[in-house]
């Protein structure tokens, strides 16, 4: 893990097209602005993990029999 210190209004550049900028520091909270291309998905970690869990659960609910029936229908 790379650990960097930044002050208010300073930024971190990731590759050619992603910039993280420190927008505000209020007590123990830091507000970060993220500039990235529209195709790059950006989520809070807890939201990302919830999406992964939902995707995994949805993938497991499809049975092999359903898939076999789908293939026979073609």
PDB file of N, CA and C in Angstrom:
ATOM      1  N   UNK A   1       0.854  -1.178   0.000  1.00  0.00           N
ATOM      2  CA  UNK A   1       0.000   0.000   0.000  1.00  0.00           C
ATOM      3  C   UNK A   1       0.901   1.242   0.000  1.00  0.00           C
ATOM      4  N   UNK A   2       0.598   2.132  -0.881  1.00  0.00           N
ATOM      5  CA  UNK A   2       1.296   3.404  -0.945  1.00  0.00           C
ATOM      6  C   UNK A   2       0.560   4.386  -0.043  1.00  0.00           C
ATOM      7  N   UNK A   3       1.259   5.040   0.851  1.00  0.00           N
ATOM      8  CA  UNK A   3       0.649   6.021   1.750  1.00  0.00           C
ATOM      9  C   UNK A   3       1.255   7.385   1.438  1.00  0.00           C
ATOM     10  N   UNK A   4       0.397   8.344   1.115  1.00  0.00           N
ATOM     11  CA  UNK A   4       0.835   9.697   0.782  1.00  0.00           C
ATOM     12  C   UNK A   4       0.157  10.704   1.693  1.00  0.00           C
ATOM     13  N   UNK A   5       0.864  11.751   2.016  1.00  0.00           N
ATOM     14  CA  UNK A   5       0.265  12.859   2.767  1.00  0.00           C
ATOM     15  C   UNK A   5      -0.065  13.972   1.793  1.00  0.00           C
ATOM     16  N   UNK A   6      -1.233  14.564   1.951  1.00  0.00           N
ATOM     17  CA  UNK A   6      -1.651  15.677   1.113  1.00  0.00           C
ATOM     18  C   UNK A   6      -2.279  16.732   1.995  1.00  0.00           C
ATOM     19  N   UNK A   7      -2.121  17.969   1.605  1.00  0.00           N
ATOM     20  CA  UNK A   7      -2.750  19.085   2.308  1.00  0.00           C
ATOM     21  C   UNK A   7      -3.968  19.531   1.509  1.00  0.00           C
ATOM     22  N   UNK A   8      -4.750  20.414   2.102  1.00  0.00           N
ATOM     23  CA  UNK A   8      -5.940  20.959   1.465  1.00  0.00           C
ATOM     24  C   UNK A   8      -5.593  21.493   0.072  1.00  0.00           C
ATOM     25  N   UNK A   9      -6.404  21.131  -0.908  1.00  0.00           N
ATOM     26  CA  UNK A   9      -6.296  21.534  -2.308  1.00  0.00           C
ATOM     27  C   UNK A   9      -5.124  20.889  -3.053  1.00  0.00           C
ATOM     28  N   UNK A  10      -4.398  19.981  -2.412  1.00  0.00           N
ATOM     29  CA  UNK A  10      -3.374  19.237  -3.125  1.00  0.00           C
ATOM     30  C   UNK A  10      -4.022  17.999  -3.745  1.00  0.00           C
ATOM     31  N   UNK A  11      -3.335  17.399  -4.698  1.00  0.00           N
ATOM     32  CA  UNK A  11      -3.943  16.296  -5.444  1.00  0.00           C
ATOM     33  C   UNK A  11      -2.980  15.126  -5.583  1.00  0.00           C
ATOM     34  N   UNK A  12      -3.551  14.012  -5.995  1.00  0.00           N
ATOM     35  CA  UNK A  12      -2.801  12.814  -6.333  1.00  0.00           C
ATOM     36  C   UNK A  12      -3.255  12.414  -7.736  1.00  0.00           C
ATOM     37  N   UNK A  13      -2.320  12.142  -8.605  1.00  0.00           N
ATOM     38  CA  UNK A  13      -2.620  11.741  -9.977  1.00  0.00           C
ATOM     39  C   UNK A  13      -2.435  10.237 -10.104  1.00  0.00           C
ATOM     40  N   UNK A  14      -3.434   9.550 -10.671  1.00  0.00           N
ATOM     41  CA  UNK A  14      -3.360   8.114 -10.919  1.00  0.00           C
ATOM     42  C   UNK A  14      -3.436   7.921 -12.427  1.00  0.00           C
ATOM     43  N   UNK A  15      -2.352   7.467 -12.994  1.00  0.00           N
ATOM     44  CA  UNK A  15      -2.303   7.306 -14.448  1.00  0.00           C
ATOM     45  C   UNK A  15      -2.449   8.653 -15.128  1.00  0.00           C
ATOM     46  N   UNK A  16      -2.946   8.605 -16.366  1.00  0.00           N
ATOM     47  CA  UNK A  16      -3.097   9.840 -17.139  1.00  0.00           C
ATOM     48  C   UNK A  16      -4.425  10.544 -16.920  1.00  0.00           C
ATOM     49  N   UNK A  17      -5.429   9.826 -16.362  1.00  0.00           N
ATOM     50  CA  UNK A  17      -6.765  10.413 -16.398  1.00  0.00           C
ATOM     51  C   UNK A  17      -7.562  10.326 -15.096  1.00  0.00           C
ATOM     52  N   UNK A  18      -6.915  10.048 -13.980  1.00  0.00           N
ATOM     53  CA  UNK A  18      -7.631  10.040 -12.702  1.00  0.00           C
ATOM     54  C   UNK A  18      -6.889  10.934 -11.720  1.00  0.00           C
ATOM     55  N   UNK A  19      -7.622  11.880 -11.140  1.00  0.00           N
ATOM     56  CA  UNK A  19      -7.036  12.799 -10.158  1.00  0.00           C
ATOM     57  C   UNK A  19      -7.888  12.787  -8.888  1.00  0.00           C
ATOM     58  N   UNK A  20      -7.232  12.631  -7.758  1.00  0.00           N
ATOM     59  CA  UNK A  20      -7.882  12.734  -6.450  1.00  0.00           C
ATOM     60  C   UNK A  20      -7.432  14.041  -5.830  1.00  0.00           C
ATOM     61  N   UNK A  21      -8.378  14.877  -5.426  1.00  0.00           N
ATOM     62  CA  UNK A  21      -8.037  16.181  -4.864  1.00  0.00           C
ATOM     63  C   UNK A  21      -8.663  16.326  -3.487  1.00  0.00           C
ATOM     64  N   UNK A  22      -7.900  16.813  -2.531  1.00  0.00           N
ATOM     65  CA  UNK A  22      -8.408  17.050  -1.186  1.00  0.00           C
ATOM     66  C   UNK A  22      -9.217  18.346  -1.228  1.00  0.00           C
ATOM     67  N   UNK A  23     -10.520  18.230  -1.029  1.00  0.00           N
ATOM     68  CA  UNK A  23     -11.434  19.363  -1.141  1.00  0.00           C
ATOM     69  C   UNK A  23     -11.607  20.078   0.202  1.00  0.00           C
ATOM     70  N   UNK A  24     -11.750  19.292   1.272  1.00  0.00           N
ATOM     71  CA  UNK A  24     -11.972  19.894   2.598  1.00  0.00           C
ATOM     72  C   UNK A  24     -11.519  18.917   3.678  1.00  0.00           C
ATOM     73  N   UNK A  25     -11.115  19.478   4.798  1.00  0.00           N
ATOM     74  CA  UNK A  25     -10.774  18.698   5.977  1.00  0.00           C
ATOM     75  C   UNK A  25     -11.583  19.282   7.122  1.00  0.00           C
ATOM     76  N   UNK A  26     -12.495  18.476   7.675  1.00  0.00           N
ATOM     77  CA  UNK A  26     -13.379  18.947   8.747  1.00  0.00           C
ATOM     78  C   UNK A  26     -13.333  17.937   9.886  1.00  0.00           C
ATOM     79  N   UNK A  27     -12.597  18.255  10.930  1.00  0.00           N
ATOM     80  CA  UNK A  27     -12.470  17.320  12.044  1.00  0.00           C
ATOM     81  C   UNK A  27     -11.770  16.053  11.589  1.00  0.00           C
ATOM     82  N   UNK A  28     -12.438  14.915  11.780  1.00  0.00           N
ATOM     83  CA  UNK A  28     -11.831  13.645  11.374  1.00  0.00           C
ATOM     84  C   UNK A  28     -12.314  13.187   9.996  1.00  0.00           C
ATOM     85  N   UNK A  29     -12.953  14.067   9.243  1.00  0.00           N
ATOM     86  CA  UNK A  29     -13.417  13.737   7.891  1.00  0.00           C
ATOM     87  C   UNK A  29     -12.600  14.485   6.845  1.00  0.00           C
ATOM     88  N   UNK A  30     -12.337  13.796   5.765  1.00  0.00           N
ATOM     89  CA  UNK A  30     -11.647  14.397   4.629  1.00  0.00           C
ATOM     90  C   UNK A  30     -12.569  14.256   3.424  1.00  0.00           C
ATOM     91  N   UNK A  31     -12.830  15.342   2.725  1.00  0.00           N
ATOM     92  CA  UNK A  31     -13.639  15.293   1.506  1.00  0.00           C
ATOM     93  C   UNK A  31     -12.680  15.254   0.317  1.00  0.00           C
ATOM     94  N   UNK A  32     -12.914  14.259  -0.538  1.00  0.00           N
ATOM     95  CA  UNK A  32     -12.039  14.039  -1.679  1.00  0.00           C
ATOM     96  C   UNK A  32     -12.842  14.196  -2.966  1.00  0.00           C
ATOM     97  N   UNK A  33     -12.324  14.977  -3.881  1.00  0.00           N
ATOM     98  CA  UNK A  33     -12.917  15.099  -5.209  1.00  0.00           C
ATOM     99  C   UNK A  33     -12.191  14.161  -6.147  1.00  0.00           C
ATOM    100  N   UNK A  34     -12.938  13.500  -7.025  1.00  0.00           N
ATOM    101  CA  UNK A  34     -12.345  12.546  -7.953  1.00  0.00           C
ATOM    102  C   UNK A  34     -12.719  12.939  -9.376  1.00  0.00           C
ATOM    103  N   UNK A  35     -11.713  13.164 -10.200  1.00  0.00           N
ATOM    104  CA  UNK A  35     -11.936  13.415 -11.621  1.00  0.00           C
ATOM    105  C   UNK A  35     -11.459  12.185 -12.369  1.00  0.00           C
ATOM    106  N   UNK A  36     -12.382  11.559 -13.100  1.00  0.00           N
ATOM    107  CA  UNK A  36     -12.060  10.353 -13.855  1.00  0.00           C
ATOM    108  C   UNK A  36     -12.984  10.271 -15.059  1.00  0.00           C
ATOM    109  N   UNK A  37     -12.604   9.497 -16.066  1.00  0.00           N
ATOM    110  CA  UNK A  37     -13.488   9.307 -17.211  1.00  0.00           C
ATOM    111  C   UNK A  37     -14.807   8.679 -16.784  1.00  0.00           C
ATOM    112  N   UNK A  38     -15.856   8.932 -17.531  1.00  0.00           N
ATOM    113  CA  UNK A  38     -17.182   8.428 -17.185  1.00  0.00           C
ATOM    114  C   UNK A  38     -17.251   6.906 -17.123  1.00  0.00           C
ATOM    115  N   UNK A  39     -16.439   6.214 -17.891  1.00  0.00           N
ATOM    116  CA  UNK A  39     -16.502   4.751 -17.909  1.00  0.00           C
ATOM    117  C   UNK A  39     -15.860   4.113 -16.666  1.00  0.00           C
ATOM    118  N   UNK A  40     -15.166   4.893 -15.862  1.00  0.00           N
ATOM    119  CA  UNK A  40     -14.551   4.370 -14.646  1.00  0.00           C
ATOM    120  C   UNK A  40     -15.582   4.420 -13.516  1.00  0.00           C
ATOM    121  N   UNK A  41     -15.890   3.248 -12.964  1.00  0.00           N
ATOM    122  CA  UNK A  41     -16.845   3.193 -11.860  1.00  0.00           C
ATOM    123  C   UNK A  41     -16.140   3.581 -10.567  1.00  0.00           C
ATOM    124  N   UNK A  42     -16.797   4.427  -9.780  1.00  0.00           N
ATOM    125  CA  UNK A  42     -16.236   4.864  -8.499  1.00  0.00           C
ATOM    126  C   UNK A  42     -17.312   4.681  -7.437  1.00  0.00           C
ATOM    127  N   UNK A  43     -16.987   3.918  -6.409  1.00  0.00           N
ATOM    128  CA  UNK A  43     -17.930   3.642  -5.328  1.00  0.00           C
ATOM    129  C   UNK A  43     -17.211   3.749  -3.988  1.00  0.00           C
ATOM    130  N   UNK A  44     -17.977   4.058  -2.941  1.00  0.00           N
ATOM    131  CA  UNK A  44     -17.441   3.880  -1.589  1.00  0.00           C
ATOM    132  C   UNK A  44     -17.218   2.390  -1.397  1.00  0.00           C
ATOM    133  N   UNK A  45     -16.242   2.018  -0.584  1.00  0.00           N
ATOM    134  CA  UNK A  45     -15.890   0.603  -0.421  1.00  0.00           C
ATOM    135  C   UNK A  45     -17.083  -0.241   0.016  1.00  0.00           C
ATOM    136  N   UNK A  46     -17.887   0.247   0.971  1.00  0.00           N
ATOM    137  CA  UNK A  46     -19.012  -0.549   1.458  1.00  0.00           C
ATOM    138  C   UNK A  46     -20.068  -0.751   0.368  1.00  0.00           C
ATOM    139  N   UNK A  47     -20.234   0.222  -0.510  1.00  0.00           N
ATOM    140  CA  UNK A  47     -21.173   0.088  -1.626  1.00  0.00           C
ATOM    141  C   UNK A  47     -20.621  -0.914  -2.639  1.00  0.00           C
ATOM    142  N   UNK A  48     -19.344  -0.828  -2.931  1.00  0.00           N
ATOM    143  CA  UNK A  48     -18.700  -1.755  -3.852  1.00  0.00           C
ATOM    144  C   UNK A  48     -18.850  -3.196  -3.367  1.00  0.00           C
ATOM    145  N   UNK A  49     -18.605  -3.424  -2.085  1.00  0.00           N
ATOM    146  CA  UNK A  49     -18.732  -4.773  -1.529  1.00  0.00           C
ATOM    147  C   UNK A  49     -20.170  -5.271  -1.598  1.00  0.00           C
ATOM    148  N   UNK A  50     -21.136  -4.397  -1.354  1.00  0.00           N
ATOM    149  CA  UNK A  50     -22.550  -4.783  -1.449  1.00  0.00           C
ATOM    150  C   UNK A  50     -22.909  -5.161  -2.885  1.00  0.00           C
ATOM    151  N   UNK A  51     -22.411  -4.424  -3.843  1.00  0.00           N
ATOM    152  CA  UNK A  51     -22.655  -4.736  -5.260  1.00  0.00           C
ATOM    153  C   UNK A  51     -22.062  -6.101  -5.594  1.00  0.00           C
ATOM    154  N   UNK A  52     -20.845  -6.364  -5.130  1.00  0.00           N
ATOM    155  CA  UNK A  52     -20.202  -7.653  -5.390  1.00  0.00           C
ATOM    156  C   UNK A  52     -21.006  -8.804  -4.785  1.00  0.00           C
ATOM    157  N   UNK A  53     -21.506  -8.616  -3.564  1.00  0.00           N
ATOM    158  CA  UNK A  53     -22.316  -9.649  -2.914  1.00  0.00           C
ATOM    159  C   UNK A  53     -23.606  -9.909  -3.696  1.00  0.00           C
ATOM    160  N   UNK A  54     -24.269  -8.835  -4.136  1.00  0.00           N
ATOM    161  CA  UNK A  54     -25.496  -8.976  -4.916  1.00  0.00           C
ATOM    162  C   UNK A  54     -25.236  -9.699  -6.234  1.00  0.00           C
ATOM    163  N   UNK A  55     -24.157  -9.344  -6.898  1.00  0.00           N
ATOM    164  CA  UNK A  55     -23.812 -10.000  -8.160  1.00  0.00           C
ATOM    165  C   UNK A  55     -23.518 -11.480  -7.947  1.00  0.00           C
ATOM    166  N   UNK A  56     -22.812 -11.782  -6.881  1.00  0.00           N
ATOM    167  CA  UNK A  56     -22.487 -13.174  -6.573  1.00  0.00           C
ATOM    168  C   UNK A  56     -23.749 -13.970  -6.261  1.00  0.00           C
ATOM    169  N   UNK A  57     -24.639 -13.390  -5.472  1.00  0.00           N
ATOM    170  CA  UNK A  57     -25.893 -14.065  -5.126  1.00  0.00           C
ATOM    171  C   UNK A  57     -26.748 -14.275  -6.369  1.00  0.00           C
ATOM    172  N   UNK A  58     -26.802 -13.290  -7.248  1.00  0.00           N
ATOM    173  CA  UNK A  58     -27.604 -13.412  -8.468  1.00  0.00           C
ATOM    174  C   UNK A  58     -27.036 -14.498  -9.373  1.00  0.00           C
ATOM    175  N   UNK A  59     -25.733 -14.603  -9.434  1.00  0.00           N
ATOM    176  CA  UNK A  59     -25.101 -15.618 -10.280  1.00  0.00           C
ATOM    177  C   UNK A  59     -25.362 -17.019  -9.747  1.00  0.00           C
ATOM    178  N   UNK A  60     -25.493 -17.159  -8.449  1.00  0.00           N
ATOM    179  CA  UNK A  60     -25.702 -18.470  -7.846  1.00  0.00           C
ATOM    180  C   UNK A  60     -27.150 -18.937  -7.936  1.00  0.00           C
ATOM    181  N   UNK A  61     -28.084 -18.027  -8.164  1.00  0.00           N
ATOM    182  CA  UNK A  61     -29.497 -18.410  -8.199  1.00  0.00           C
ATOM    183  C   UNK A  61     -29.902 -19.062  -9.513  1.00  0.00           C
ATOM    184  N   UNK A  62     -29.095 -18.928 -10.539  1.00  0.00           N
ATOM    185  CA  UNK A  62     -29.403 -19.547 -11.836  1.00  0.00           C
ATOM    186  C   UNK A  62     -28.945 -21.000 -11.774  1.00  0.00           C
ATOM    187  N   UNK A  63     -29.868 -21.918 -11.920  1.00  0.00           N
ATOM    188  CA  UNK A  63     -29.526 -23.337 -11.835  1.00  0.00           C
ATOM    189  C   UNK A  63     -29.025 -23.848 -13.170  1.00  0.00           C
ATOM    190  N   UNK A  64     -28.337 -24.967 -13.132  1.00  0.00           N
ATOM    191  CA  UNK A  64     -27.824 -25.600 -14.342  1.00  0.00           C
ATOM    192  C   UNK A  64     -28.984 -26.045 -15.223  1.00  0.00           C
ATOM    193  N   UNK A  65     -30.070 -26.510 -14.609  1.00  0.00           N
ATOM    194  CA  UNK A  65     -31.235 -26.952 -15.390  1.00  0.00           C
ATOM    195  C   UNK A  65     -31.828 -25.804 -16.196  1.00  0.00           C
ATOM    196  N   UNK A  66     -31.868 -24.629 -15.623  1.00  0.00           N
ATOM    197  CA  UNK A  66     -32.392 -23.463 -16.340  1.00  0.00           C
ATOM    198  C   UNK A  66     -31.501 -23.159 -17.533  1.00  0.00           C
ATOM    199  N   UNK A  67     -30.205 -23.226 -17.318  1.00  0.00           N
ATOM    200  CA  UNK A  67     -29.283 -22.963 -18.426  1.00  0.00           C
ATOM    201  C   UNK A  67     -29.417 -24.009 -19.528  1.00  0.00           C
ATOM    202  N   UNK A  68     -29.579 -25.287 -19.147  1.00  0.00           N
ATOM    203  CA  UNK A  68     -29.754 -26.339 -20.145  1.00  0.00           C
ATOM    204  C   UNK A  68     -31.020 -26.098 -20.964  1.00  0.00           C
ATOM    205  N   UNK A  69     -32.095 -25.698 -20.289  1.00  0.00           N
ATOM    206  CA  UNK A  69     -33.335 -25.396 -20.990  1.00  0.00           C
ATOM    207  C   UNK A  69     -33.179 -24.220 -21.938  1.00  0.00           C
ATOM    208  N   UNK A  70     -32.419 -23.246 -21.527  1.00  0.00           N
ATOM    209  CA  UNK A  70     -32.169 -22.077 -22.369  1.00  0.00           C
ATOM    210  C   UNK A  70     -31.413 -22.480 -23.635  1.00  0.00           C
ATOM    211  N   UNK A  71     -30.413 -23.323 -23.470  1.00  0.00           N
ATOM    212  CA  UNK A  71     -29.617 -23.760 -24.621  1.00  0.00           C
ATOM    213  C   UNK A  71     -30.436 -24.616 -25.576  1.00  0.00           C
ATOM    214  N   UNK A  72     -31.338 -25.458 -25.041  1.00  0.00           N
ATOM    215  CA  UNK A  72     -32.176 -26.296 -25.895  1.00  0.00           C
ATOM    216  C   UNK A  72     -33.157 -25.461 -26.704  1.00  0.00           C
ATOM    217  N   UNK A  73     -33.557 -24.319 -26.153  1.00  0.00           N
ATOM    218  CA  UNK A  73     -34.519 -23.460 -26.826  1.00  0.00           C
ATOM    219  C   UNK A  73     -33.952 -22.752 -28.040  1.00  0.00           C
ATOM    220  N   UNK A  74     -32.639 -22.754 -28.183  1.00  0.00           N
ATOM    221  CA  UNK A  74     -32.027 -22.035 -29.310  1.00  0.00           C
ATOM    222  C   UNK A  74     -31.992 -22.828 -30.537  1.00  0.00           C
TER     223      UNK A  74
END
